[in-house]
PDB file of N, CA and C in Angstrom:
ATOM      1  N   MET A   1       8.457   4.764 -10.373  1.00  0.00           N
ATOM      2  CA  MET A   1       8.051   5.743  -9.400  1.00  0.00           C
ATOM      3  C   MET A   1       7.864   4.858  -8.071  1.00  0.00           C
ATOM      4  N   THR A   2       8.088   5.306  -6.982  1.00  0.00           N
ATOM      5  CA  THR A   2       8.289   4.987  -5.988  1.00  0.00           C
ATOM      6  C   THR A   2       6.825   5.256  -4.770  1.00  0.00           C
ATOM      7  N   TYR A   3       5.750   4.418  -4.502  1.00  0.00           N
ATOM      8  CA  TYR A   3       4.546   4.656  -3.830  1.00  0.00           C
ATOM      9  C   TYR A   3       4.862   4.292  -2.457  1.00  0.00           C
ATOM     10  N   THR A   4       4.584   4.825  -1.648  1.00  0.00           N
ATOM     11  CA  THR A   4       4.429   4.505   0.168  1.00  0.00           C
ATOM     12  C   THR A   4       3.625   3.437   0.196  1.00  0.00           C
ATOM     13  N   VAL A   5       3.731   2.339   0.620  1.00  0.00           N
ATOM     14  CA  VAL A   5       3.154   1.333   1.381  1.00  0.00           C
ATOM     15  C   VAL A   5       3.080   1.188   2.825  1.00  0.00           C
ATOM     16  N   ILE A   6       1.708   1.446   3.333  1.00  0.00           N
ATOM     17  CA  ILE A   6       1.763   0.870   4.564  1.00  0.00           C
ATOM     18  C   ILE A   6       1.355  -0.453   5.118  1.00  0.00           C
ATOM     19  N   TYR A   7       2.372  -1.171   5.701  1.00  0.00           N
ATOM     20  CA  TYR A   7       1.797  -2.563   6.185  1.00  0.00           C
ATOM     21  C   TYR A   7       1.406  -2.567   7.635  1.00  0.00           C
ATOM     22  N   GLU A   8       0.159  -3.410   7.790  1.00  0.00           N
ATOM     23  CA  GLU A   8      -0.075  -3.746   8.970  1.00  0.00           C
ATOM     24  C   GLU A   8      -0.273  -4.935   9.355  1.00  0.00           C
ATOM     25  N   GLN A   9       0.264  -5.502  10.644  1.00  0.00           N
ATOM     26  CA  GLN A   9       0.248  -6.947  10.749  1.00  0.00           C
ATOM     27  C   GLN A   9      -0.726  -7.308  11.966  1.00  0.00           C
ATOM     28  N   GLY A  10      -1.772  -8.289  11.533  1.00  0.00           N
ATOM     29  CA  GLY A  10      -2.978  -8.600  12.285  1.00  0.00           C
ATOM     30  C   GLY A  10      -2.544  -9.976  13.099  1.00  0.00           C
ATOM     31  N   ASP A  11      -3.349 -10.228  13.873  1.00  0.00           N
ATOM     32  CA  ASP A  11      -3.416 -11.279  14.741  1.00  0.00           C
ATOM     33  C   ASP A  11      -2.720 -12.525  13.946  1.00  0.00           C
ATOM     34  N   SER A  12      -3.115 -13.065  12.709  1.00  0.00           N
ATOM     35  CA  SER A  12      -3.023 -14.191  11.772  1.00  0.00           C
ATOM     36  C   SER A  12      -2.758 -13.804  10.196  1.00  0.00           C
ATOM     37  N   SER A  13      -2.666 -12.175  10.096  1.00  0.00           N
ATOM     38  CA  SER A  13      -2.135 -12.044   8.559  1.00  0.00           C
ATOM     39  C   SER A  13      -1.748 -10.386   8.461  1.00  0.00           C
ATOM     40  N   TRP A  14      -1.280 -10.229   7.169  1.00  0.00           N
ATOM     41  CA  TRP A  14      -0.798  -8.943   6.873  1.00  0.00           C
ATOM     42  C   TRP A  14      -1.901  -8.226   5.954  1.00  0.00           C
ATOM     43  N   GLY A  15      -1.840  -7.102   6.235  1.00  0.00           N
ATOM     44  CA  GLY A  15      -2.573  -6.383   5.129  1.00  0.00           C
ATOM     45  C   GLY A  15      -1.692  -4.925   4.891  1.00  0.00           C
ATOM     46  N   ALA A  16      -1.927  -4.544   3.667  1.00  0.00           N
ATOM     47  CA  ALA A  16      -1.195  -3.560   3.359  1.00  0.00           C
ATOM     48  C   ALA A  16      -2.009  -2.510   1.899  1.00  0.00           C
ATOM     49  N   TYR A  17      -1.538  -1.531   2.001  1.00  0.00           N
ATOM     50  CA  TYR A  17      -2.499  -0.262   1.235  1.00  0.00           C
ATOM     51  C   TYR A  17      -1.600   0.672   0.611  1.00  0.00           C
ATOM     52  N   VAL A  18      -2.086   1.430  -0.680  1.00  0.00           N
ATOM     53  CA  VAL A  18      -1.142   2.741  -1.147  1.00  0.00           C
ATOM     54  C   VAL A  18      -2.114   3.871  -0.888  1.00  0.00           C
ATOM     55  N   PRO A  19      -1.622   4.698   0.398  1.00  0.00           N
ATOM     56  CA  PRO A  19      -2.235   5.810   0.506  1.00  0.00           C
ATOM     57  C   PRO A  19      -2.638   6.899  -0.990  1.00  0.00           C
ATOM     58  N   ASP A  20      -1.872   6.677  -1.762  1.00  0.00           N
ATOM     59  CA  ASP A  20      -1.910   7.456  -3.052  1.00  0.00           C
ATOM     60  C   ASP A  20      -2.647   7.005  -3.974  1.00  0.00           C
ATOM     61  N   LEU A  21      -3.147   5.503  -3.653  1.00  0.00           N
ATOM     62  CA  LEU A  21      -4.048   4.976  -4.870  1.00  0.00           C
ATOM     63  C   LEU A  21      -5.259   4.366  -4.039  1.00  0.00           C
ATOM     64  N   PRO A  22      -6.285   5.204  -3.880  1.00  0.00           N
ATOM     65  CA  PRO A  22      -7.294   4.891  -2.911  1.00  0.00           C
ATOM     66  C   PRO A  22      -8.008   3.197  -3.578  1.00  0.00           C
ATOM     67  N   GLY A  23      -8.001   2.694  -2.716  1.00  0.00           N
ATOM     68  CA  GLY A  23      -8.890   1.313  -3.324  1.00  0.00           C
ATOM     69  C   GLY A  23      -7.573  -0.001  -3.393  1.00  0.00           C
ATOM     70  N   VAL A  24      -6.584   0.602  -3.628  1.00  0.00           N
ATOM     71  CA  VAL A  24      -5.411  -0.604  -3.831  1.00  0.00           C
ATOM     72  C   VAL A  24      -4.958  -1.002  -2.443  1.00  0.00           C
ATOM     73  N   ALA A  25      -5.308  -2.370  -2.222  1.00  0.00           N
ATOM     74  CA  ALA A  25      -5.018  -3.024  -0.982  1.00  0.00           C
ATOM     75  C   ALA A  25      -4.949  -4.341  -1.314  1.00  0.00           C
ATOM     76  N   ALA A  26      -3.855  -4.955  -0.235  1.00  0.00           N
ATOM     77  CA  ALA A  26      -4.042  -6.624  -0.429  1.00  0.00           C
ATOM     78  C   ALA A  26      -3.986  -6.849   1.155  1.00  0.00           C
ATOM     79  N   ALA A  27      -4.247  -8.169   1.529  1.00  0.00           N
ATOM     80  CA  ALA A  27      -4.127  -9.397   2.399  1.00  0.00           C
ATOM     81  C   ALA A  27      -3.385 -10.627   2.539  1.00  0.00           C
ATOM     82  N   ALA A  28      -2.987 -11.040   3.187  1.00  0.00           N
ATOM     83  CA  ALA A  28      -1.975 -12.331   3.031  1.00  0.00           C
ATOM     84  C   ALA A  28      -1.589 -12.658   4.293  1.00  0.00           C
ATOM     85  N   ASP A  29      -1.456 -14.084   4.467  1.00  0.00           N
ATOM     86  CA  ASP A  29      -0.786 -14.568   5.792  1.00  0.00           C
ATOM     87  C   ASP A  29       0.467 -14.158   6.262  1.00  0.00           C
ATOM     88  N   THR A  30       1.386 -13.724   5.028  1.00  0.00           N
ATOM     89  CA  THR A  30       2.931 -13.278   5.475  1.00  0.00           C
ATOM     90  C   THR A  30       3.026 -11.943   5.148  1.00  0.00           C
ATOM     91  N   ARG A  31       3.889 -11.183   5.630  1.00  0.00           N
ATOM     92  CA  ARG A  31       4.229  -9.874   4.949  1.00  0.00           C
ATOM     93  C   ARG A  31       5.183 -10.002   3.482  1.00  0.00           C
ATOM     94  N   GLU A  32       5.332 -11.217   3.211  1.00  0.00           N
ATOM     95  CA  GLU A  32       6.210 -11.285   1.846  1.00  0.00           C
ATOM     96  C   GLU A  32       5.221 -11.711   0.973  1.00  0.00           C
ATOM     97  N   ALA A  33       4.152 -12.134   1.530  1.00  0.00           N
ATOM     98  CA  ALA A  33       2.927 -12.585   0.161  1.00  0.00           C
ATOM     99  C   ALA A  33       2.207 -11.275  -0.074  1.00  0.00           C
ATOM    100  N   VAL A  34       1.613 -10.825   1.096  1.00  0.00           N
ATOM    101  CA  VAL A  34       1.158  -9.424   0.897  1.00  0.00           C
ATOM    102  C   VAL A  34       1.907  -8.631   0.152  1.00  0.00           C
ATOM    103  N   GLU A  35       3.278  -8.343  -0.036  1.00  0.00           N
ATOM    104  CA  GLU A  35       4.057  -7.539  -0.645  1.00  0.00           C
ATOM    105  C   GLU A  35       3.649  -7.921  -2.306  1.00  0.00           C
ATOM    106  N   VAL A  36       3.969  -9.354  -2.643  1.00  0.00           N
ATOM    107  CA  VAL A  36       3.724  -9.684  -3.927  1.00  0.00           C
ATOM    108  C   VAL A  36       2.451  -9.312  -4.308  1.00  0.00           C
ATOM    109  N   LEU A  37       1.208  -9.659  -3.482  1.00  0.00           N
ATOM    110  CA  LEU A  37      -0.235  -9.242  -3.860  1.00  0.00           C
ATOM    111  C   LEU A  37      -0.071  -7.949  -4.491  1.00  0.00           C
ATOM    112  N   LEU A  38       0.382  -6.908  -3.629  1.00  0.00           N
ATOM    113  CA  LEU A  38       0.054  -5.419  -3.365  1.00  0.00           C
ATOM    114  C   LEU A  38       0.731  -5.035  -4.378  1.00  0.00           C
ATOM    115  N   ARG A  39       2.054  -5.570  -4.951  1.00  0.00           N
ATOM    116  CA  ARG A  39       2.512  -5.365  -6.007  1.00  0.00           C
ATOM    117  C   ARG A  39       1.562  -5.315  -7.500  1.00  0.00           C
ATOM    118  N   GLU A  40       1.601  -6.595  -7.593  1.00  0.00           N
ATOM    119  CA  GLU A  40       0.386  -7.050  -8.665  1.00  0.00           C
ATOM    120  C   GLU A  40      -0.840  -5.877  -8.955  1.00  0.00           C
ATOM    121  N   ALA A  41      -1.482  -5.717  -7.384  1.00  0.00           N
ATOM    122  CA  ALA A  41      -2.784  -4.656  -7.505  1.00  0.00           C
ATOM    123  C   ALA A  41      -2.260  -3.334  -7.966  1.00  0.00           C
ATOM    124  N   VAL A  42      -1.240  -3.110  -7.695  1.00  0.00           N
ATOM    125  CA  VAL A  42      -0.758  -1.727  -7.901  1.00  0.00           C
ATOM    126  C   VAL A  42      -0.382  -1.783  -9.345  1.00  0.00           C
ATOM    127  N   GLU A  43       0.369  -2.728  -9.949  1.00  0.00           N
ATOM    128  CA  GLU A  43       0.577  -2.609 -11.357  1.00  0.00           C
ATOM    129  C   GLU A  43      -0.800  -3.067 -12.367  1.00  0.00           C
ATOM    130  N   TYR A  44      -1.854  -3.482 -11.713  1.00  0.00           N
ATOM    131  CA  TYR A  44      -2.948  -3.576 -12.687  1.00  0.00           C
ATOM    132  C   TYR A  44      -4.082  -2.597 -12.524  1.00  0.00           C
ATOM    133  N   HIS A  45      -3.923  -1.485 -11.263  1.00  0.00           N
ATOM    134  CA  HIS A  45      -4.656  -0.575 -11.172  1.00  0.00           C
ATOM    135  C   HIS A  45      -3.756   0.621 -12.083  1.00  0.00           C
ATOM    136  N   LEU A  46      -2.523   0.952 -12.186  1.00  0.00           N
ATOM    137  CA  LEU A  46      -2.028   1.867 -13.094  1.00  0.00           C
ATOM    138  C   LEU A  46      -2.326   1.582 -14.491  1.00  0.00           C
ATOM    139  N   GLU A  47      -2.114   0.065 -14.989  1.00  0.00           N
ATOM    140  CA  GLU A  47      -2.822  -0.353 -16.258  1.00  0.00           C
ATOM    141  C   GLU A  47      -3.979   0.015 -16.655  1.00  0.00           C
ATOM    142  N   GLY A  48      -4.795  -0.257 -15.749  1.00  0.00           N
ATOM    143  CA  GLY A  48      -6.365  -0.140 -16.032  1.00  0.00           C
ATOM    144  C   GLY A  48      -6.449   1.950 -15.907  1.00  0.00           C
ATOM    145  N   LEU A  49      -5.935   2.710 -15.177  1.00  0.00           N
ATOM    146  CA  LEU A  49      -5.889   3.923 -15.656  1.00  0.00           C
ATOM    147  C   LEU A  49      -5.050   4.646 -16.501  1.00  0.00           C
ATOM    148  N   ALA A  50      -4.163   4.063 -17.068  1.00  0.00           N
ATOM    149  CA  ALA A  50      -3.857   4.151 -18.364  1.00  0.00           C
ATOM    150  C   ALA A  50      -4.650   3.718 -19.638  1.00  0.00           C
ATOM    151  N   ALA A  51      -4.799   2.424 -19.567  1.00  0.00           N
ATOM    152  CA  ALA A  51      -5.866   2.059 -20.744  1.00  0.00           C
ATOM    153  C   ALA A  51      -7.093   3.271 -20.909  1.00  0.00           C
ATOM    154  N   GLU A  52      -7.607   3.563 -19.618  1.00  0.00           N
ATOM    155  CA  GLU A  52      -9.045   4.462 -19.541  1.00  0.00           C
ATOM    156  C   GLU A  52      -8.284   5.747 -19.856  1.00  0.00           C
ATOM    157  N   GLY A  53      -7.078   6.423 -20.170  1.00  0.00           N
ATOM    158  CA  GLY A  53      -6.708   7.629 -20.354  1.00  0.00           C
ATOM    159  C   GLY A  53      -6.562   8.607 -19.266  1.00  0.00           C
ATOM    160  N   GLN A  54      -6.699   7.691 -18.148  1.00  0.00           N
ATOM    161  CA  GLN A  54      -6.555   8.706 -16.877  1.00  0.00           C
ATOM    162  C   GLN A  54      -5.293   8.852 -16.373  1.00  0.00           C
ATOM    163  N   PRO A  55      -5.204  10.121 -15.612  1.00  0.00           N
ATOM    164  CA  PRO A  55      -3.889  10.266 -15.476  1.00  0.00           C
ATOM    165  C   PRO A  55      -3.208   9.007 -14.375  1.00  0.00           C
ATOM    166  N   ILE A  56      -1.965   9.058 -14.151  1.00  0.00           N
ATOM    167  CA  ILE A  56      -1.238   8.053 -13.167  1.00  0.00           C
ATOM    168  C   ILE A  56      -0.896   9.173 -11.822  1.00  0.00           C
ATOM    169  N   PRO A  57      -1.654   8.991 -10.662  1.00  0.00           N
ATOM    170  CA  PRO A  57      -1.422   9.480  -9.362  1.00  0.00           C
ATOM    171  C   PRO A  57       0.049   9.691  -9.483  1.00  0.00           C
ATOM    172  N   LYS A  58       0.739  10.989  -9.103  1.00  0.00           N
ATOM    173  CA  LYS A  58       2.375  10.947  -8.423  1.00  0.00           C
ATOM    174  C   LYS A  58       2.178  10.746  -7.301  1.00  0.00           C
ATOM    175  N   PRO A  59       3.369  10.082  -6.636  1.00  0.00           N
ATOM    176  CA  PRO A  59       3.356   9.436  -5.557  1.00  0.00           C
ATOM    177  C   PRO A  59       3.626  10.823  -4.305  1.00  0.00           C
ATOM    178  N   ALA A  60       2.890  11.133  -3.400  1.00  0.00           N
ATOM    179  CA  ALA A  60       2.942  12.213  -2.468  1.00  0.00           C
ATOM    180  C   ALA A  60       2.712  12.067  -1.272  1.00  0.00           C
ATOM    181  N   SER A  61       2.631  10.720  -0.609  1.00  0.00           N
ATOM    182  CA  SER A  61       2.567  10.370   0.436  1.00  0.00           C
ATOM    183  C   SER A  61       3.770   9.703   1.196  1.00  0.00           C
ATOM    184  N   PHE A  62       4.232   9.957   2.291  1.00  0.00           N
ATOM    185  CA  PHE A  62       5.338   9.477   3.195  1.00  0.00           C
ATOM    186  C   PHE A  62       4.877   8.842   4.153  1.00  0.00           C
ATOM    187  N   ALA A  63       5.712   7.801   4.779  1.00  0.00           N
ATOM    188  CA  ALA A  63       5.457   7.419   6.191  1.00  0.00           C
ATOM    189  C   ALA A  63       6.582   7.906   7.227  1.00  0.00           C
ATOM    190  N   GLY A  64       5.935   8.064   8.615  1.00  0.00           N
ATOM    191  CA  GLY A  64       6.970   8.553   9.116  1.00  0.00           C
ATOM    192  C   GLY A  64       6.704   7.846  10.711  1.00  0.00           C
ATOM    193  N   ALA A  65       7.663   8.122  11.710  1.00  0.00           N
ATOM    194  CA  ALA A  65       7.370   7.335  12.910  1.00  0.00           C
ATOM    195  C   ALA A  65       7.229   8.606  14.107  1.00  0.00           C
ATOM    196  N   LEU A  66       6.592   8.366  15.107  1.00  0.00           N
ATOM    197  CA  LEU A  66       6.215   9.427  16.025  1.00  0.00           C
ATOM    198  C   LEU A  66       6.332   8.638  17.467  1.00  0.00           C
ATOM    199  N   GLU A  67       7.344   8.833  18.059  1.00  0.00           N
ATOM    200  CA  GLU A  67       7.666   8.091  19.150  1.00  0.00           C
ATOM    201  C   GLU A  67       6.649   8.907  20.620  1.00  0.00           C
ATOM    202  N   ILE A  68       6.077   8.416  21.030  1.00  0.00           N
ATOM    203  CA  ILE A  68       5.919   8.807  22.264  1.00  0.00           C
ATOM    204  C   ILE A  68       5.603   7.888  23.437  1.00  0.00           C
ATOM    205  N   GLN A  69       5.943   8.572  24.912  1.00  0.00           N
ATOM    206  CA  GLN A  69       6.170   8.355  26.048  1.00  0.00           C
ATOM    207  C   GLN A  69       5.555   7.509  26.697  1.00  0.00           C
ATOM    208  N   PRO A  70       5.706   6.343  27.011  1.00  0.00           N
ATOM    209  CA  PRO A  70       4.562   5.705  27.882  1.00  0.00           C
ATOM    210  C   PRO A  70       3.476   6.796  29.141  1.00  0.00           C
ATOM    211  N   LEU A  71       2.428   6.417  29.257  1.00  0.00           N
ATOM    212  CA  LEU A  71       1.875   7.140  30.303  1.00  0.00           C
ATOM    213  C   LEU A  71       1.999   6.547  31.463  1.00  0.00           C
ATOM    214  N   ARG A  72       2.256   7.095  32.794  1.00  0.00           N
ATOM    215  CA  ARG A  72       2.813   6.297  33.680  1.00  0.00           C
ATOM    216  C   ARG A  72       1.402   5.797  34.636  1.00  0.00           C
TER     217      ARG A  72
END
């Protein structure tokens, strides 16, 4: 499965979350590090759902871009 991930760059760190898996998020100093942590968090979360007999959410979100003209 392929889940959409939203990456956000802060002043001194990166954050990321998966819209289809509420509560699954990570933060780290670099984008690469946050990606590793988020992958681990997603795998852990899905393993927990499976162990509890809960359904695995299907990916349903996608990211897009919206270009806006600057105000003058």
